[in-house]
Amino acid sequence: MLILRNVRLALFAVSSAPSHALLAIGKTMKLLPRLAFVSALALATVSASAATASTETFDAGANGWLTGTSAAPTHHTSGGVGDSGYVSFTSTFTSGASGPFGAPPLQILFRGNNAADASGDAFVGNWLEDGIQSFSVTVRHNHTEALNLYARFDAGSGRAASLAYDAQYAIAPDTWTTITISIADGNPPFLSYGAGSFDSVFSNIQNLQVGLYLPTSTTFANLRFDLDNVSTVTPVPEPASLALFMLGGIATVAAARPQRRAR
């Protein structure tokens, strides 16, 4: 718009003073490199971002989340992170002799399914288009040793991202622990995409599954697993970045103003 304005001014000046028209056009042409530089700087700066989160706190109930056996979990009104609400599942089972993709055996303990309208389907959709950069949960277990988190991001038709077995996802006994998973194509964070790919999975998330990697062939009597603060994080422009973007626009306008001739 700024360039068009200068061109209109130049055409108007032609009718009365050809030298003025040439001067205006010359200023407009000189402005183009400055405008390109300021625009590039502003765009690069706006990419720096703060974050906004969609979070299930379980303060008001289980909100459609189910246990690994697709039953209703136990809801607690307090005792979670910051004495908030949380959900819990206690079960007895024996772990397998091996797990998938060369990892230890695992047990799914919570499900956030589209069909059950978990969290009002807040986690269903195209995570890539939405710009989601990370997923986090706060969990706790009562086993005597540290256990690693397992998570599965399901897009249906065998397409699913399985969290890698990695030390950064370890959970100490009886300790609320927040695990953050980067939504990025690699191992870690993801061990496999099943029948899909990174793009085909995260462009169509339908279900979330959360559980634990376990020692092989071990009987767990009354293993309790607690879940709180399920969250996705999406970047948003920082106020400082927006201010710099506006400052760049002001600088461009100032550069376009005609200079008075020295008398």
Protein backbone atom coordinates (compact mmCIF):
# COMPACT_ATOMS: atom_id res chain seq x y z
CA MET A 1 0.00 0.00 0.00
CA LEU A 2 2.84 2.38 0.82
CA ILE A 3 4.48 1.83 -2.57
CA LEU A 4 1.18 2.41 -4.41
CA ARG A 5 0.71 5.65 -2.51
CA ASN A 6 4.11 6.89 -3.61
CA VAL A 7 3.40 5.90 -7.22
CA ARG A 8 0.11 7.85 -7.14
CA LEU A 9 1.95 10.87 -5.77
CA ALA A 10 4.50 10.54 -8.54
CA LEU A 11 1.83 10.43 -11.26
CA PHE A 12 0.13 13.47 -9.80
CA ALA A 13 3.42 15.35 -9.76
CA VAL A 14 4.03 14.59 -13.46
CA SER A 15 1.12 16.82 -14.46
CA SER A 16 2.67 19.86 -12.78
CA ALA A 17 6.36 19.22 -12.36
CA PRO A 18 8.08 16.36 -14.20
CA SER A 19 11.19 16.68 -12.04
CA HIS A 20 9.11 16.06 -8.92
CA ALA A 21 7.60 12.95 -10.50
CA LEU A 22 11.01 11.54 -11.26
CA LEU A 23 12.11 12.29 -7.69
CA ALA A 24 9.07 10.47 -6.24
CA ILE A 25 9.60 7.44 -8.43
CA GLY A 26 13.26 7.41 -7.56
CA LYS A 27 12.43 7.47 -3.83
CA THR A 28 9.98 4.60 -4.31
CA MET A 29 12.55 2.45 -6.08
CA LYS A 30 15.12 3.20 -3.38
CA LEU A 31 12.55 2.20 -0.77
CA LEU A 32 12.15 -1.37 -2.06
CA PRO A 33 15.37 -2.81 -0.54
CA ARG A 34 14.60 -1.14 2.80
CA LEU A 35 11.06 -2.51 2.78
CA ALA A 36 12.25 -6.01 1.95
CA PHE A 37 14.85 -5.88 4.74
CA VAL A 38 12.38 -4.62 7.37
CA SER A 39 9.77 -7.22 6.34
CA ALA A 40 12.29 -10.06 6.55
CA LEU A 41 13.50 -8.85 9.96
CA ALA A 42 9.95 -8.60 11.27
CA LEU A 43 8.97 -12.05 10.03
CA ALA A 44 12.09 -13.63 11.51
CA THR A 45 11.46 -11.91 14.83
CA VAL A 46 7.77 -12.84 15.05
CA SER A 47 8.77 -16.50 14.75
CA ALA A 48 10.22 -16.18 18.27
CA SER A 49 7.29 -17.03 20.50
CA ALA A 50 5.78 -17.54 23.89
CA ALA A 51 3.36 -20.41 24.36
CA THR A 52 -0.26 -21.11 25.06
CA ALA A 53 -1.46 -24.45 26.42
CA SER A 54 -4.57 -26.61 26.20
CA THR A 55 -4.61 -28.40 29.53
CA GLU A 56 -6.81 -31.04 31.15
CA THR A 57 -6.51 -30.52 34.91
CA PHE A 58 -9.17 -33.06 36.02
CA ASP A 59 -10.40 -30.59 38.61
CA ALA A 60 -14.04 -31.15 37.62
CA GLY A 61 -13.83 -34.91 37.03
CA ALA A 62 -12.37 -37.48 34.66
CA ASN A 63 -13.87 -35.56 31.71
CA GLY A 64 -14.26 -38.61 29.47
CA TRP A 65 -10.83 -40.15 30.15
CA LEU A 66 -10.83 -43.92 30.70
CA THR A 67 -8.47 -46.47 32.22
CA GLY A 68 -6.45 -48.91 30.14
CA THR A 69 -9.33 -51.37 30.48
CA SER A 70 -11.76 -48.70 29.18
CA ALA A 71 -13.43 -48.27 32.58
CA ALA A 72 -13.98 -45.05 34.48
CA PRO A 73 -10.92 -44.06 36.55
CA THR A 74 -11.03 -42.98 40.17
CA HIS A 75 -11.31 -39.20 40.43
CA HIS A 76 -9.73 -37.33 43.36
CA THR A 77 -10.74 -33.74 44.08
CA SER A 78 -7.41 -32.90 45.71
CA GLY A 79 -3.91 -34.26 46.12
CA GLY A 80 -2.79 -33.55 42.57
CA VAL A 81 -0.30 -30.95 41.42
CA GLY A 82 -0.83 -27.89 43.62
CA ASP A 83 -3.47 -29.90 45.51
CA SER A 84 -5.64 -29.97 42.37
CA GLY A 85 -7.85 -32.80 41.15
CA TYR A 86 -6.45 -35.85 39.34
CA VAL A 87 -7.42 -39.32 38.15
CA SER A 88 -6.03 -42.65 39.31
CA PHE A 89 -6.03 -46.30 38.23
CA THR A 90 -4.93 -49.27 40.34
CA SER A 91 -4.44 -52.67 38.71
CA THR A 92 -2.81 -56.06 39.16
CA PHE A 93 -1.13 -57.78 36.21
CA THR A 94 2.05 -59.49 35.02
CA SER A 95 4.22 -57.79 32.43
CA GLY A 96 5.21 -59.58 29.24
CA ALA A 97 8.51 -61.22 28.38
CA SER A 98 9.24 -58.56 25.75
CA GLY A 99 7.85 -55.37 24.29
CA PRO A 100 7.24 -53.95 20.82
CA PHE A 101 10.02 -52.71 18.51
CA GLY A 102 12.75 -54.05 20.79
CA ALA A 103 11.58 -51.97 23.79
CA PRO A 104 10.61 -53.35 27.21
CA PRO A 105 7.03 -54.51 27.77
CA LEU A 106 4.48 -51.80 28.40
CA GLN A 107 1.07 -51.31 29.92
CA ILE A 108 -1.50 -48.75 28.78
CA LEU A 109 -3.16 -47.31 31.87
CA PHE A 110 -5.16 -44.32 30.61
CA ARG A 111 -7.00 -43.55 27.39
CA GLY A 112 -8.14 -40.20 26.05
CA ASN A 113 -10.34 -41.32 23.16
CA ASN A 114 -12.19 -39.32 20.54
CA ALA A 115 -15.16 -41.71 20.81
CA ALA A 116 -15.47 -40.98 24.55
CA ASP A 117 -15.15 -37.21 23.97
CA ALA A 118 -12.17 -37.07 26.33
CA SER A 119 -11.49 -33.48 27.41
CA GLY A 120 -14.17 -32.36 24.99
CA ASP A 121 -11.94 -33.57 22.12
CA ALA A 122 -9.45 -30.80 22.94
CA PHE A 123 -6.59 -33.05 21.83
CA VAL A 124 -8.22 -34.34 18.64
CA GLY A 125 -7.23 -32.91 15.26
CA ASN A 126 -4.36 -31.79 13.07
CA TRP A 127 -1.50 -31.02 15.45
CA LEU A 128 0.80 -30.00 12.61
CA GLU A 129 -1.65 -27.43 11.24
CA ASP A 130 -2.33 -26.19 14.78
CA GLY A 131 1.40 -25.68 15.35
CA ILE A 132 1.56 -27.90 18.45
CA GLN A 133 5.20 -28.24 19.49
CA SER A 134 5.04 -30.34 22.63
CA PHE A 135 2.86 -32.60 24.75
CA SER A 136 3.20 -33.04 28.49
CA VAL A 137 1.67 -35.01 31.33
CA THR A 138 2.21 -35.01 35.06
CA VAL A 139 2.19 -38.54 36.46
CA ARG A 140 2.96 -40.55 39.58
CA HIS A 141 3.21 -44.27 40.40
CA ASN A 142 3.68 -46.34 43.56
CA HIS A 143 6.18 -48.93 42.28
CA THR A 144 9.35 -49.30 44.34
CA GLU A 145 11.64 -48.40 41.44
CA ALA A 146 11.67 -45.74 38.73
CA LEU A 147 9.60 -46.55 35.66
CA ASN A 148 9.58 -44.93 32.23
CA LEU A 149 6.55 -43.22 30.76
CA TYR A 150 4.89 -44.72 27.71
CA ALA A 151 2.62 -42.66 25.46
CA ARG A 152 0.91 -43.45 22.18
CA PHE A 153 -0.52 -40.87 19.78
CA ASP A 154 -3.09 -42.65 17.62
CA ALA A 155 -4.45 -41.58 14.22
CA GLY A 156 -6.33 -44.82 13.48
CA SER A 157 -5.79 -47.51 10.84
CA GLY A 158 -2.60 -48.69 12.57
CA ARG A 159 -0.99 -45.26 12.37
CA ALA A 160 0.39 -44.30 15.77
CA ALA A 161 3.49 -42.69 17.27
CA SER A 162 4.92 -44.64 20.21
CA LEU A 163 7.11 -42.85 22.71
CA ALA A 164 10.67 -44.13 22.80
CA TYR A 165 12.10 -45.89 25.85
CA ASP A 166 14.52 -43.23 27.04
CA ALA A 167 15.97 -42.08 30.37
CA GLN A 168 14.55 -38.58 29.95
CA TYR A 169 11.05 -40.04 30.45
CA ALA A 170 11.81 -41.74 33.80
CA ILE A 171 9.41 -41.34 36.74
CA ALA A 172 10.65 -41.76 40.31
CA PRO A 173 8.41 -43.62 42.80
CA ASP A 174 5.66 -41.67 44.56
CA THR A 175 6.71 -38.37 42.99
CA TRP A 176 4.60 -36.14 40.78
CA THR A 177 6.73 -35.87 37.65
CA THR A 178 6.04 -33.75 34.58
CA ILE A 179 7.22 -35.33 31.34
CA THR A 180 7.39 -33.13 28.23
CA ILE A 181 7.54 -34.73 24.79
CA SER A 182 8.69 -32.73 21.78
CA ILE A 183 6.43 -33.21 18.75
CA ALA A 184 9.27 -33.76 16.30
CA ASP A 185 10.18 -36.47 13.81
CA GLY A 186 12.97 -38.57 15.35
CA ASN A 187 13.95 -41.30 17.81
CA PRO A 188 13.68 -40.09 20.47
CA PRO A 189 11.04 -38.93 20.94
CA PHE A 190 9.28 -41.60 18.88
CA LEU A 191 10.19 -45.26 18.55
CA SER A 192 7.75 -46.06 15.74
CA TYR A 193 4.85 -44.66 13.69
CA GLY A 194 3.25 -48.06 13.11
CA ALA A 195 1.64 -48.20 9.66
CA GLY A 196 1.99 -44.44 9.24
CA SER A 197 4.55 -41.66 9.26
CA PHE A 198 5.16 -38.62 11.42
CA ASP A 199 3.01 -36.46 9.13
CA SER A 200 0.16 -38.96 8.71
CA VAL A 201 -0.06 -39.50 12.48
CA PHE A 202 0.14 -35.94 13.78
CA SER A 203 -2.10 -34.51 11.07
CA ASN A 204 -5.00 -36.63 12.37
CA ILE A 205 -4.71 -37.34 16.11
CA GLN A 206 -7.77 -39.24 17.38
CA ASN A 207 -6.74 -40.93 20.61
CA LEU A 208 -4.12 -40.54 23.34
CA GLN A 209 -2.85 -43.43 25.45
CA VAL A 210 -0.65 -43.05 28.51
CA GLY A 211 1.06 -45.79 30.48
CA LEU A 212 4.38 -47.24 31.61
CA TYR A 213 7.28 -49.27 30.30
CA LEU A 214 7.85 -52.15 32.73
CA PRO A 215 10.47 -54.72 33.77
CA THR A 216 9.97 -58.02 31.96
CA SER A 217 7.93 -60.91 33.39
CA THR A 218 7.11 -59.06 36.62
CA THR A 219 3.89 -59.29 38.61
CA PHE A 220 2.58 -55.94 39.77
CA ALA A 221 0.12 -56.15 42.66
CA ASN A 222 -2.02 -53.03 43.02
CA LEU A 223 0.17 -50.83 40.84
CA ARG A 224 -1.27 -47.34 41.13
CA PHE A 225 -0.82 -44.81 38.34
CA ASP A 226 -1.98 -41.21 38.76
CA LEU A 227 -2.52 -38.69 35.97
CA ASP A 228 -2.79 -34.89 36.05
CA ASN A 229 -2.28 -31.88 33.76
CA VAL A 230 -2.41 -33.38 30.27
CA SER A 231 -1.29 -30.54 28.02
CA THR A 232 -0.32 -29.48 24.51
CA VAL A 233 1.73 -26.35 23.84
CA THR A 234 1.34 -24.06 20.82
CA PRO A 235 3.54 -21.02 20.10
CA VAL A 236 2.02 -17.53 19.90
CA PRO A 237 3.77 -14.25 18.94
CA GLU A 238 5.34 -12.42 21.87
CA PRO A 239 4.29 -8.80 22.49
CA ALA A 240 7.92 -7.71 22.08
CA SER A 241 8.09 -9.33 18.67
CA LEU A 242 4.88 -7.65 17.56
CA ALA A 243 6.21 -4.32 18.81
CA LEU A 244 9.35 -4.75 16.72
CA PHE A 245 7.20 -5.63 13.72
CA MET A 246 5.27 -2.36 14.17
CA LEU A 247 8.50 -0.44 14.70
CA GLY A 248 9.75 -1.76 11.38
CA GLY A 249 6.62 -0.46 9.69
CA ILE A 250 7.05 2.98 11.24
CA ALA A 251 10.67 3.09 10.13
CA THR A 252 9.61 2.23 6.60
CA VAL A 253 7.02 5.02 6.53
CA ALA A 254 9.57 7.49 7.86
CA ALA A 255 12.04 6.49 5.18
CA ALA A 256 9.41 7.11 2.52
CA ARG A 257 8.63 10.68 3.57
CA PRO A 258 9.99 13.26 1.11
CA GLN A 259 12.96 15.24 2.36
CA ARG A 260 12.77 19.03 2.26
CA ARG A 261 15.30 20.72 0.05
CA ALA A 262 17.88 22.83 1.78
CA ARG A 263 17.28 26.52 1.13
